Amino acid sequence: MQYKNEKTYKLIKVFGEIIKEKRQTKIGKSQTLFAYEYELDSGNLCRIENGKIEPKLTMMWRIAEALGVPLSEIIKDLEEKLGKDFNIINN
């Protein structure tokens, strides 16, 4: 998938990495089993974790609930990994 810019791609990629890391360390289940148990589309989950698609807000919320964490925790992790200087808008 082609993104409008590299910053958007980086944001989506890092988000996916955080989801994958939390799923593996916090839940310890495969993508397929995790998706099945929480009624998530396994194909979409795979594409999200691999930074191939930009998830909708409702999907991000469902994943956070399945992981047992508030979505805000995932967003905070995302901000930390991207760094304070990261922005999407070119000024």
PDB file of N, CA and C in Angstrom:
ATOM      1  N   MET A   1       0.843  -1.177   0.000  1.00  0.00           N
ATOM      2  CA  MET A   1       0.000   0.000   0.000  1.00  0.00           C
ATOM      3  C   MET A   1       0.882   1.232   0.000  1.00  0.00           C
ATOM      4  N   GLN A   2       0.473   2.203  -0.771  1.00  0.00           N
ATOM      5  CA  GLN A   2       1.249   3.432  -0.861  1.00  0.00           C
ATOM      6  C   GLN A   2       0.596   4.499   0.013  1.00  0.00           C
ATOM      7  N   TYR A   3       1.411   5.209   0.774  1.00  0.00           N
ATOM      8  CA  TYR A   3       0.921   6.254   1.654  1.00  0.00           C
ATOM      9  C   TYR A   3       1.265   7.611   1.067  1.00  0.00           C
ATOM     10  N   LYS A   4       0.560   8.630   1.563  1.00  0.00           N
ATOM     11  CA  LYS A   4       0.791   9.974   1.065  1.00  0.00           C
ATOM     12  C   LYS A   4       2.201  10.446   1.365  1.00  0.00           C
ATOM     13  N   ASN A   5       2.733  10.015   2.499  1.00  0.00           N
ATOM     14  CA  ASN A   5       4.107  10.393   2.830  1.00  0.00           C
ATOM     15  C   ASN A   5       4.723   9.387   3.787  1.00  0.00           C
ATOM     16  N   GLU A   6       6.007   9.504   3.961  1.00  0.00           N
ATOM     17  CA  GLU A   6       6.743   8.573   4.819  1.00  0.00           C
ATOM     18  C   GLU A   6       6.345   8.684   6.290  1.00  0.00           C
ATOM     19  N   LYS A   7       5.949   9.866   6.709  1.00  0.00           N
ATOM     20  CA  LYS A   7       5.563  10.046   8.113  1.00  0.00           C
ATOM     21  C   LYS A   7       4.300   9.261   8.435  1.00  0.00           C
ATOM     22  N   THR A   8       3.346   9.267   7.526  1.00  0.00           N
ATOM     23  CA  THR A   8       2.129   8.496   7.719  1.00  0.00           C
ATOM     24  C   THR A   8       2.463   7.019   7.786  1.00  0.00           C
ATOM     25  N   TYR A   9       3.316   6.570   6.891  1.00  0.00           N
ATOM     26  CA  TYR A   9       3.734   5.165   6.886  1.00  0.00           C
ATOM     27  C   TYR A   9       4.400   4.804   8.207  1.00  0.00           C
ATOM     28  N   LYS A  10       5.274   5.657   8.693  1.00  0.00           N
ATOM     29  CA  LYS A  10       5.978   5.388   9.956  1.00  0.00           C
ATOM     30  C   LYS A  10       4.992   5.281  11.111  1.00  0.00           C
ATOM     31  N   LEU A  11       4.028   6.176  11.167  1.00  0.00           N
ATOM     32  CA  LEU A  11       3.022   6.161  12.226  1.00  0.00           C
ATOM     33  C   LEU A  11       2.260   4.841  12.230  1.00  0.00           C
ATOM     34  N   ILE A  12       1.813   4.413  11.071  1.00  0.00           N
ATOM     35  CA  ILE A  12       1.043   3.180  10.953  1.00  0.00           C
ATOM     36  C   ILE A  12       1.910   1.962  11.269  1.00  0.00           C
ATOM     37  N   LYS A  13       3.140   1.983  10.825  1.00  0.00           N
ATOM     38  CA  LYS A  13       4.076   0.877  11.064  1.00  0.00           C
ATOM     39  C   LYS A  13       4.356   0.724  12.560  1.00  0.00           C
ATOM     40  N   VAL A  14       4.650   1.823  13.239  1.00  0.00           N
ATOM     41  CA  VAL A  14       4.962   1.774  14.669  1.00  0.00           C
ATOM     42  C   VAL A  14       3.723   1.361  15.467  1.00  0.00           C
ATOM     43  N   PHE A  15       2.552   1.844  15.069  1.00  0.00           N
ATOM     44  CA  PHE A  15       1.320   1.430  15.739  1.00  0.00           C
ATOM     45  C   PHE A  15       1.178  -0.092  15.677  1.00  0.00           C
ATOM     46  N   GLY A  16       1.376  -0.653  14.508  1.00  0.00           N
ATOM     47  CA  GLY A  16       1.285  -2.098  14.337  1.00  0.00           C
ATOM     48  C   GLY A  16       2.283  -2.853  15.188  1.00  0.00           C
ATOM     49  N   GLU A  17       3.497  -2.330  15.272  1.00  0.00           N
ATOM     50  CA  GLU A  17       4.534  -2.971  16.089  1.00  0.00           C
ATOM     51  C   GLU A  17       4.129  -2.996  17.563  1.00  0.00           C
ATOM     52  N   ILE A  18       3.515  -1.923  18.022  1.00  0.00           N
ATOM     53  CA  ILE A  18       3.071  -1.851  19.419  1.00  0.00           C
ATOM     54  C   ILE A  18       1.978  -2.882  19.681  1.00  0.00           C
ATOM     55  N   ILE A  19       1.028  -2.983  18.762  1.00  0.00           N
ATOM     56  CA  ILE A  19      -0.056  -3.957  18.915  1.00  0.00           C
ATOM     57  C   ILE A  19       0.516  -5.376  18.965  1.00  0.00           C
ATOM     58  N   LYS A  20       1.405  -5.669  18.040  1.00  0.00           N
ATOM     59  CA  LYS A  20       2.010  -7.013  17.985  1.00  0.00           C
ATOM     60  C   LYS A  20       2.777  -7.317  19.264  1.00  0.00           C
ATOM     61  N   GLU A  21       3.563  -6.361  19.723  1.00  0.00           N
ATOM     62  CA  GLU A  21       4.354  -6.544  20.942  1.00  0.00           C
ATOM     63  C   GLU A  21       3.460  -6.797  22.154  1.00  0.00           C
ATOM     64  N   LYS A  22       2.394  -6.017  22.276  1.00  0.00           N
ATOM     65  CA  LYS A  22       1.476  -6.194  23.407  1.00  0.00           C
ATOM     66  C   LYS A  22       0.743  -7.537  23.317  1.00  0.00           C
ATOM     67  N   ARG A  23       0.349  -7.923  22.119  1.00  0.00           N
ATOM     68  CA  ARG A  23      -0.333  -9.207  21.948  1.00  0.00           C
ATOM     69  C   ARG A  23       0.585 -10.353  22.366  1.00  0.00           C
ATOM     70  N   GLN A  24       1.824 -10.288  21.955  1.00  0.00           N
ATOM     71  CA  GLN A  24       2.765 -11.369  22.255  1.00  0.00           C
ATOM     72  C   GLN A  24       3.166 -11.402  23.728  1.00  0.00           C
ATOM     73  N   THR A  25       3.444 -10.246  24.315  1.00  0.00           N
ATOM     74  CA  THR A  25       3.935 -10.222  25.691  1.00  0.00           C
ATOM     75  C   THR A  25       2.818 -10.251  26.726  1.00  0.00           C
ATOM     76  N   LYS A  26       1.749  -9.529  26.474  1.00  0.00           N
ATOM     77  CA  LYS A  26       0.668  -9.430  27.450  1.00  0.00           C
ATOM     78  C   LYS A  26      -0.300 -10.608  27.356  1.00  0.00           C
ATOM     79  N   ILE A  27      -0.614 -11.015  26.142  1.00  0.00           N
ATOM     80  CA  ILE A  27      -1.606 -12.067  25.921  1.00  0.00           C
ATOM     81  C   ILE A  27      -0.942 -13.403  25.607  1.00  0.00           C
ATOM     82  N   GLY A  28       0.148 -13.377  24.857  1.00  0.00           N
ATOM     83  CA  GLY A  28       0.874 -14.598  24.527  1.00  0.00           C
ATOM     84  C   GLY A  28       0.133 -15.542  23.595  1.00  0.00           C
ATOM     85  N   LYS A  29      -0.653 -14.977  22.690  1.00  0.00           N
ATOM     86  CA  LYS A  29      -1.411 -15.798  21.743  1.00  0.00           C
ATOM     87  C   LYS A  29      -1.032 -15.447  20.320  1.00  0.00           C
ATOM     88  N   SER A  30      -1.232 -16.415  19.439  1.00  0.00           N
ATOM     89  CA  SER A  30      -0.987 -16.169  18.022  1.00  0.00           C
ATOM     90  C   SER A  30      -2.006 -15.167  17.495  1.00  0.00           C
ATOM     91  N   GLN A  31      -1.685 -14.568  16.362  1.00  0.00           N
ATOM     92  CA  GLN A  31      -2.628 -13.650  15.728  1.00  0.00           C
ATOM     93  C   GLN A  31      -3.969 -14.317  15.486  1.00  0.00           C
ATOM     94  N   THR A  32      -3.923 -15.515  14.944  1.00  0.00           N
ATOM     95  CA  THR A  32      -5.147 -16.226  14.580  1.00  0.00           C
ATOM     96  C   THR A  32      -6.012 -16.511  15.799  1.00  0.00           C
ATOM     97  N   LEU A  33      -5.417 -17.049  16.852  1.00  0.00           N
ATOM     98  CA  LEU A  33      -6.167 -17.362  18.065  1.00  0.00           C
ATOM     99  C   LEU A  33      -6.693 -16.093  18.727  1.00  0.00           C
ATOM    100  N   PHE A  34      -5.867 -15.083  18.813  1.00  0.00           N
ATOM    101  CA  PHE A  34      -6.270 -13.801  19.400  1.00  0.00           C
ATOM    102  C   PHE A  34      -7.460 -13.221  18.635  1.00  0.00           C
ATOM    103  N   ALA A  35      -7.362 -13.197  17.316  1.00  0.00           N
ATOM    104  CA  ALA A  35      -8.443 -12.657  16.478  1.00  0.00           C
ATOM    105  C   ALA A  35      -9.721 -13.473  16.664  1.00  0.00           C
ATOM    106  N   TYR A  36      -9.594 -14.782  16.681  1.00  0.00           N
ATOM    107  CA  TYR A  36     -10.759 -15.652  16.833  1.00  0.00           C
ATOM    108  C   TYR A  36     -11.451 -15.434  18.178  1.00  0.00           C
ATOM    109  N   GLU A  37     -10.671 -15.429  19.249  1.00  0.00           N
ATOM    110  CA  GLU A  37     -11.252 -15.305  20.590  1.00  0.00           C
ATOM    111  C   GLU A  37     -11.934 -13.966  20.826  1.00  0.00           C
ATOM    112  N   TYR A  38     -11.468 -12.920  20.155  1.00  0.00           N
ATOM    113  CA  TYR A  38     -12.035 -11.589  20.372  1.00  0.00           C
ATOM    114  C   TYR A  38     -12.838 -11.084  19.177  1.00  0.00           C
ATOM    115  N   GLU A  39     -13.173 -12.010  18.284  1.00  0.00           N
ATOM    116  CA  GLU A  39     -14.007 -11.716  17.124  1.00  0.00           C
ATOM    117  C   GLU A  39     -13.465 -10.544  16.300  1.00  0.00           C
ATOM    118  N   LEU A  40     -12.166 -10.590  16.063  1.00  0.00           N
ATOM    119  CA  LEU A  40     -11.507  -9.612  15.206  1.00  0.00           C
ATOM    120  C   LEU A  40     -11.233 -10.286  13.870  1.00  0.00           C
ATOM    121  N   ASP A  41     -11.221  -9.537  12.807  1.00  0.00           N
ATOM    122  CA  ASP A  41     -10.883 -10.098  11.505  1.00  0.00           C
ATOM    123  C   ASP A  41      -9.383 -10.386  11.486  1.00  0.00           C
ATOM    124  N   SER A  42      -9.009 -11.656  11.353  1.00  0.00           N
ATOM    125  CA  SER A  42      -7.595 -12.021  11.438  1.00  0.00           C
ATOM    126  C   SER A  42      -6.764 -11.408  10.312  1.00  0.00           C
ATOM    127  N   GLY A  43      -7.352 -11.267   9.131  1.00  0.00           N
ATOM    128  CA  GLY A  43      -6.637 -10.645   8.016  1.00  0.00           C
ATOM    129  C   GLY A  43      -6.338  -9.185   8.297  1.00  0.00           C
ATOM    130  N   ASN A  44      -7.325  -8.481   8.832  1.00  0.00           N
ATOM    131  CA  ASN A  44      -7.116  -7.069   9.170  1.00  0.00           C
ATOM    132  C   ASN A  44      -6.104  -6.926  10.294  1.00  0.00           C
ATOM    133  N   LEU A  45      -6.192  -7.799  11.296  1.00  0.00           N
ATOM    134  CA  LEU A  45      -5.241  -7.743  12.401  1.00  0.00           C
ATOM    135  C   LEU A  45      -3.818  -7.941  11.876  1.00  0.00           C
ATOM    136  N   CYS A  46      -3.640  -8.885  10.990  1.00  0.00           N
ATOM    137  CA  CYS A  46      -2.326  -9.146  10.393  1.00  0.00           C
ATOM    138  C   CYS A  46      -1.826  -7.904   9.649  1.00  0.00           C
ATOM    139  N   ARG A  47      -2.692  -7.307   8.851  1.00  0.00           N
ATOM    140  CA  ARG A  47      -2.289  -6.115   8.086  1.00  0.00           C
ATOM    141  C   ARG A  47      -2.003  -4.924   9.005  1.00  0.00           C
ATOM    142  N   ILE A  48      -2.741  -4.806  10.099  1.00  0.00           N
ATOM    143  CA  ILE A  48      -2.485  -3.727  11.061  1.00  0.00           C
ATOM    144  C   ILE A  48      -1.127  -3.944  11.726  1.00  0.00           C
ATOM    145  N   GLU A  49      -0.875  -5.151  12.213  1.00  0.00           N
ATOM    146  CA  GLU A  49       0.387  -5.432  12.890  1.00  0.00           C
ATOM    147  C   GLU A  49       1.591  -5.276  11.964  1.00  0.00           C
ATOM    148  N   ASN A  50       1.399  -5.471  10.688  1.00  0.00           N
ATOM    149  CA  ASN A  50       2.491  -5.346   9.720  1.00  0.00           C
ATOM    150  C   ASN A  50       2.546  -3.969   9.060  1.00  0.00           C
ATOM    151  N   GLY A  51       1.718  -3.043   9.530  1.00  0.00           N
ATOM    152  CA  GLY A  51       1.743  -1.681   9.010  1.00  0.00           C
ATOM    153  C   GLY A  51       1.265  -1.554   7.577  1.00  0.00           C
ATOM    154  N   LYS A  52       0.390  -2.455   7.155  1.00  0.00           N
ATOM    155  CA  LYS A  52      -0.090  -2.443   5.766  1.00  0.00           C
ATOM    156  C   LYS A  52      -1.362  -1.627   5.590  1.00  0.00           C
ATOM    157  N   ILE A  53      -2.146  -1.476   6.665  1.00  0.00           N
ATOM    158  CA  ILE A  53      -3.372  -0.679   6.579  1.00  0.00           C
ATOM    159  C   ILE A  53      -3.471   0.254   7.778  1.00  0.00           C
ATOM    160  N   GLU A  54      -4.213   1.300   7.591  1.00  0.00           N
ATOM    161  CA  GLU A  54      -4.473   2.267   8.649  1.00  0.00           C
ATOM    162  C   GLU A  54      -5.785   1.864   9.321  1.00  0.00           C
ATOM    163  N   PRO A  55      -5.732   1.451  10.585  1.00  0.00           N
ATOM    164  CA  PRO A  55      -6.952   0.962  11.235  1.00  0.00           C
ATOM    165  C   PRO A  55      -7.925   2.091  11.560  1.00  0.00           C
ATOM    166  N   LYS A  56      -9.198   1.741  11.539  1.00  0.00           N
ATOM    167  CA  LYS A  56     -10.241   2.682  11.941  1.00  0.00           C
ATOM    168  C   LYS A  56     -10.246   2.778  13.465  1.00  0.00           C
ATOM    169  N   LEU A  57     -10.785   3.854  13.944  1.00  0.00           N
ATOM    170  CA  LEU A  57     -10.847   4.090  15.382  1.00  0.00           C
ATOM    171  C   LEU A  57     -11.563   2.950  16.099  1.00  0.00           C
ATOM    172  N   THR A  58     -12.661   2.465  15.552  1.00  0.00           N
ATOM    173  CA  THR A  58     -13.394   1.391  16.211  1.00  0.00           C
ATOM    174  C   THR A  58     -12.555   0.121  16.300  1.00  0.00           C
ATOM    175  N   MET A  59     -11.773  -0.169  15.290  1.00  0.00           N
ATOM    176  CA  MET A  59     -10.908  -1.349  15.323  1.00  0.00           C
ATOM    177  C   MET A  59      -9.808  -1.162  16.354  1.00  0.00           C
ATOM    178  N   MET A  60      -9.227   0.031  16.426  1.00  0.00           N
ATOM    179  CA  MET A  60      -8.191   0.288  17.430  1.00  0.00           C
ATOM    180  C   MET A  60      -8.768   0.091  18.829  1.00  0.00           C
ATOM    181  N   TRP A  61      -9.988   0.546  19.034  1.00  0.00           N
ATOM    182  CA  TRP A  61     -10.631   0.426  20.346  1.00  0.00           C
ATOM    183  C   TRP A  61     -10.878  -1.044  20.685  1.00  0.00           C
ATOM    184  N   ARG A  62     -11.358  -1.807  19.711  1.00  0.00           N
ATOM    185  CA  ARG A  62     -11.612  -3.239  19.926  1.00  0.00           C
ATOM    186  C   ARG A  62     -10.317  -3.986  20.264  1.00  0.00           C
ATOM    187  N   ILE A  63      -9.257  -3.662  19.554  1.00  0.00           N
ATOM    188  CA  ILE A  63      -7.973  -4.313  19.817  1.00  0.00           C
ATOM    189  C   ILE A  63      -7.487  -3.968  21.228  1.00  0.00           C
ATOM    190  N   ALA A  64      -7.605  -2.706  21.600  1.00  0.00           N
ATOM    191  CA  ALA A  64      -7.186  -2.284  22.943  1.00  0.00           C
ATOM    192  C   ALA A  64      -7.981  -3.038  24.012  1.00  0.00           C
ATOM    193  N   GLU A  65      -9.287  -3.145  23.829  1.00  0.00           N
ATOM    194  CA  GLU A  65     -10.115  -3.883  24.790  1.00  0.00           C
ATOM    195  C   GLU A  65      -9.677  -5.345  24.862  1.00  0.00           C
ATOM    196  N   ALA A  66      -9.421  -5.952  23.721  1.00  0.00           N
ATOM    197  CA  ALA A  66      -8.985  -7.344  23.678  1.00  0.00           C
ATOM    198  C   ALA A  66      -7.643  -7.523  24.384  1.00  0.00           C
ATOM    199  N   LEU A  67      -6.789  -6.504  24.287  1.00  0.00           N
ATOM    200  CA  LEU A  67      -5.488  -6.548  24.960  1.00  0.00           C
ATOM    201  C   LEU A  67      -5.602  -6.233  26.452  1.00  0.00           C
ATOM    202  N   GLY A  68      -6.771  -5.730  26.865  1.00  0.00           N
ATOM    203  CA  GLY A  68      -6.978  -5.396  28.269  1.00  0.00           C
ATOM    204  C   GLY A  68      -6.317  -4.106  28.692  1.00  0.00           C
ATOM    205  N   VAL A  69      -6.144  -3.194  27.733  1.00  0.00           N
ATOM    206  CA  VAL A  69      -5.539  -1.896  28.043  1.00  0.00           C
ATOM    207  C   VAL A  69      -6.404  -0.788  27.430  1.00  0.00           C
ATOM    208  N   PRO A  70      -6.362   0.399  28.019  1.00  0.00           N
ATOM    209  CA  PRO A  70      -7.082   1.508  27.388  1.00  0.00           C
ATOM    210  C   PRO A  70      -6.369   1.928  26.103  1.00  0.00           C
ATOM    211  N   LEU A  71      -7.135   2.395  25.156  1.00  0.00           N
ATOM    212  CA  LEU A  71      -6.544   2.865  23.904  1.00  0.00           C
ATOM    213  C   LEU A  71      -5.530   3.972  24.168  1.00  0.00           C
ATOM    214  N   SER A  72      -5.785   4.781  25.181  1.00  0.00           N
ATOM    215  CA  SER A  72      -4.858   5.868  25.512  1.00  0.00           C
ATOM    216  C   SER A  72      -3.458   5.349  25.845  1.00  0.00           C
ATOM    217  N   GLU A  73      -3.373   4.160  26.432  1.00  0.00           N
ATOM    218  CA  GLU A  73      -2.061   3.572  26.734  1.00  0.00           C
ATOM    219  C   GLU A  73      -1.297   3.263  25.445  1.00  0.00           C
ATOM    220  N   ILE A  74      -2.009   2.747  24.468  1.00  0.00           N
ATOM    221  CA  ILE A  74      -1.390   2.444  23.185  1.00  0.00           C
ATOM    222  C   ILE A  74      -0.937   3.728  22.506  1.00  0.00           C
ATOM    223  N   ILE A  75      -1.760   4.771  22.574  1.00  0.00           N
ATOM    224  CA  ILE A  75      -1.409   6.059  21.978  1.00  0.00           C
ATOM    225  C   ILE A  75      -0.197   6.651  22.682  1.00  0.00           C
ATOM    226  N   LYS A  76      -0.134   6.535  24.002  1.00  0.00           N
ATOM    227  CA  LYS A  76       1.035   7.029  24.744  1.00  0.00           C
ATOM    228  C   LYS A  76       2.297   6.286  24.325  1.00  0.00           C
ATOM    229  N   ASP A  77       2.188   4.963  24.185  1.00  0.00           N
ATOM    230  CA  ASP A  77       3.329   4.168  23.721  1.00  0.00           C
ATOM    231  C   ASP A  77       3.760   4.614  22.325  1.00  0.00           C
ATOM    232  N   LEU A  78       2.789   4.891  21.489  1.00  0.00           N
ATOM    233  CA  LEU A  78       3.058   5.354  20.126  1.00  0.00           C
ATOM    234  C   LEU A  78       3.804   6.685  20.148  1.00  0.00           C
ATOM    235  N   GLU A  79       3.344   7.604  20.965  1.00  0.00           N
ATOM    236  CA  GLU A  79       4.002   8.912  21.083  1.00  0.00           C
ATOM    237  C   GLU A  79       5.433   8.761  21.585  1.00  0.00           C
ATOM    238  N   GLU A  80       5.633   7.880  22.549  1.00  0.00           N
ATOM    239  CA  GLU A  80       6.979   7.664  23.088  1.00  0.00           C
ATOM    240  C   GLU A  80       7.918   7.086  22.031  1.00  0.00           C
ATOM    241  N   LYS A  81       7.447   6.091  21.296  1.00  0.00           N
ATOM    242  CA  LYS A  81       8.296   5.455  20.285  1.00  0.00           C
ATOM    243  C   LYS A  81       8.608   6.387  19.120  1.00  0.00           C
ATOM    244  N   LEU A  82       7.656   7.243  18.771  1.00  0.00           N
ATOM    245  CA  LEU A  82       7.877   8.171  17.656  1.00  0.00           C
ATOM    246  C   LEU A  82       8.753   9.349  18.064  1.00  0.00           C
ATOM    247  N   GLY A  83       8.714   9.713  19.329  1.00  0.00           N
ATOM    248  CA  GLY A  83       9.532  10.827  19.827  1.00  0.00           C
ATOM    249  C   GLY A  83       8.794  12.151  19.792  1.00  0.00           C
ATOM    250  N   LYS A  84       9.278  13.067  20.578  1.00  0.00           N
ATOM    251  CA  LYS A  84       8.627  14.379  20.712  1.00  0.00           C
ATOM    252  C   LYS A  84       8.678  15.201  19.430  1.00  0.00           C
ATOM    253  N   ASP A  85       9.668  14.971  18.609  1.00  0.00           N
ATOM    254  CA  ASP A  85       9.823  15.771  17.398  1.00  0.00           C
ATOM    255  C   ASP A  85       8.985  15.275  16.228  1.00  0.00           C
ATOM    256  N   PHE A  86       8.308  14.131  16.400  1.00  0.00           N
ATOM    257  CA  PHE A  86       7.520  13.559  15.305  1.00  0.00           C
ATOM    258  C   PHE A  86       6.256  14.383  15.069  1.00  0.00           C
ATOM    259  N   ASN A  87       5.999  14.664  13.807  1.00  0.00           N
ATOM    260  CA  ASN A  87       4.724  15.276  13.424  1.00  0.00           C
ATOM    261  C   ASN A  87       4.362  14.795  12.023  1.00  0.00           C
ATOM    262  N   ILE A  88       3.096  14.828  11.732  1.00  0.00           N
ATOM    263  CA  ILE A  88       2.631  14.374  10.424  1.00  0.00           C
ATOM    264  C   ILE A  88       2.584  15.545   9.450  1.00  0.00           C
ATOM    265  N   ILE A  89       2.209  16.686   9.967  1.00  0.00           N
ATOM    266  CA  ILE A  89       2.051  17.864   9.121  1.00  0.00           C
ATOM    267  C   ILE A  89       3.410  18.519   8.907  1.00  0.00           C
ATOM    268  N   ASN A  90       3.734  18.769   7.678  1.00  0.00           N
ATOM    269  CA  ASN A  90       4.964  19.490   7.370  1.00  0.00           C
ATOM    270  C   ASN A  90       4.703  20.979   7.486  1.00  0.00           C
ATOM    271  N   ASN A  91       5.415  21.607   8.391  1.00  0.00           N
ATOM    272  CA  ASN A  91       5.238  23.068   8.571  1.00  0.00           C
ATOM    273  C   ASN A  91       6.227  23.827   7.746  1.00  0.00           C
TER     274      ASN A  91
END
